[in-house]
Amino acid sequence: MTVYVDDMRAPFGQMIMCHMAADTTEELLEMADKIGVQQKWIQKQGTKYEHFDISLGKKELAIQNGAVLVTRKELVKWMRLR
């Protein structure tokens, strides 16, 4: 089982955001807790497109905690095939 972060760089206020998704909801929520992202910010919960938008700082924390870096294109393709 894996958590993924992508290479998207979308501005949101003063932050730059990317996506974080996982093979399971449990893994996704566990990683959110590890990196300090509130679970209430989950998007599209319960669908194959379930994910968090996270800042680049949180992305680095996720990678340090075992998340795999993928391209945005790879992440979208993976989500569609789930």
Protein backbone atom coordinates (compact mmCIF):
# COMPACT_ATOMS: atom_id res chain seq x y z
CA MET A 1 0.00 0.00 0.00
CA THR A 2 1.26 3.45 -0.91
CA VAL A 3 0.73 7.17 -0.37
CA TYR A 4 1.44 9.38 -3.40
CA VAL A 5 2.24 13.08 -3.77
CA ASP A 6 2.36 14.76 -7.17
CA ASP A 7 4.40 17.49 -8.81
CA MET A 8 1.51 19.94 -9.22
CA ARG A 9 2.31 23.51 -8.17
CA ALA A 10 -1.00 25.36 -7.80
CA PRO A 11 -1.04 28.72 -6.03
CA PHE A 12 -3.48 29.09 -3.13
CA GLY A 13 -3.11 32.36 -1.29
CA GLN A 14 0.53 32.57 -0.30
CA MET A 15 1.04 28.80 -0.55
CA ILE A 16 1.86 26.46 -3.39
CA MET A 17 -0.20 23.26 -3.29
CA CYS A 18 0.04 19.72 -4.62
CA HIS A 19 -2.08 16.56 -4.27
CA MET A 20 -1.72 13.67 -1.83
CA ALA A 21 -3.61 10.41 -2.42
CA ALA A 22 -3.25 6.80 -1.25
CA ASP A 23 -4.23 3.24 -2.04
CA THR A 24 -6.64 3.27 0.91
CA THR A 25 -8.53 5.89 2.90
CA GLU A 26 -6.90 4.60 6.08
CA GLU A 27 -3.41 5.18 4.67
CA LEU A 28 -4.36 8.63 3.44
CA LEU A 29 -5.75 9.69 6.81
CA GLU A 30 -2.80 8.19 8.67
CA MET A 31 -0.36 10.20 6.54
CA ALA A 32 -2.46 13.35 7.01
CA ASP A 33 -2.16 12.87 10.78
CA LYS A 34 1.61 12.27 10.53
CA ILE A 35 2.24 15.46 8.58
CA GLY A 36 -0.21 17.67 10.48
CA VAL A 37 -3.02 18.01 7.92
CA GLN A 38 -6.50 18.10 9.43
CA GLN A 39 -8.70 15.25 8.23
CA LYS A 40 -11.57 17.66 7.59
CA TRP A 41 -9.69 18.94 4.52
CA ILE A 42 -10.05 15.64 2.64
CA GLN A 43 -11.55 16.13 -0.83
CA LYS A 44 -13.87 13.84 -2.79
CA GLN A 45 -14.00 11.44 0.18
CA GLY A 46 -15.25 7.97 -0.63
CA THR A 47 -14.58 8.27 -4.36
CA LYS A 48 -11.69 7.08 -6.51
CA TYR A 49 -10.55 10.73 -6.62
CA GLU A 50 -10.17 11.01 -2.81
CA HIS A 51 -7.20 13.22 -1.94
CA PHE A 52 -5.83 16.15 0.03
CA ASP A 53 -4.43 19.36 -1.38
CA ILE A 54 -1.27 19.95 0.65
CA SER A 55 1.41 22.65 0.77
CA LEU A 56 4.91 22.00 -0.51
CA GLY A 57 6.16 21.92 3.09
CA LYS A 58 3.68 19.16 3.93
CA LYS A 59 4.68 17.40 0.70
CA GLU A 60 8.28 17.22 1.94
CA LEU A 61 7.08 15.82 5.28
CA ALA A 62 5.00 13.21 3.43
CA ILE A 63 8.01 12.15 1.35
CA GLN A 64 10.12 11.92 4.54
CA ASN A 65 7.40 9.63 5.93
CA GLY A 66 7.43 7.31 2.90
CA ALA A 67 5.15 8.93 0.30
CA VAL A 68 6.10 8.33 -3.32
CA LEU A 69 6.57 11.28 -5.68
CA VAL A 70 4.70 10.94 -8.99
CA THR A 71 3.76 13.31 -11.78
CA ARG A 72 0.32 14.86 -11.79
CA LYS A 73 -0.42 12.94 -14.97
CA GLU A 74 0.56 9.64 -13.32
CA LEU A 75 -1.60 10.40 -10.28
CA VAL A 76 -4.68 11.21 -12.36
CA LYS A 77 -4.18 8.06 -14.45
CA TRP A 78 -3.84 5.96 -11.26
CA MET A 79 -7.01 7.54 -9.82
CA ARG A 80 -9.02 6.81 -12.96
CA LEU A 81 -7.96 3.15 -12.92
CA ARG A 82 -8.83 2.57 -9.24
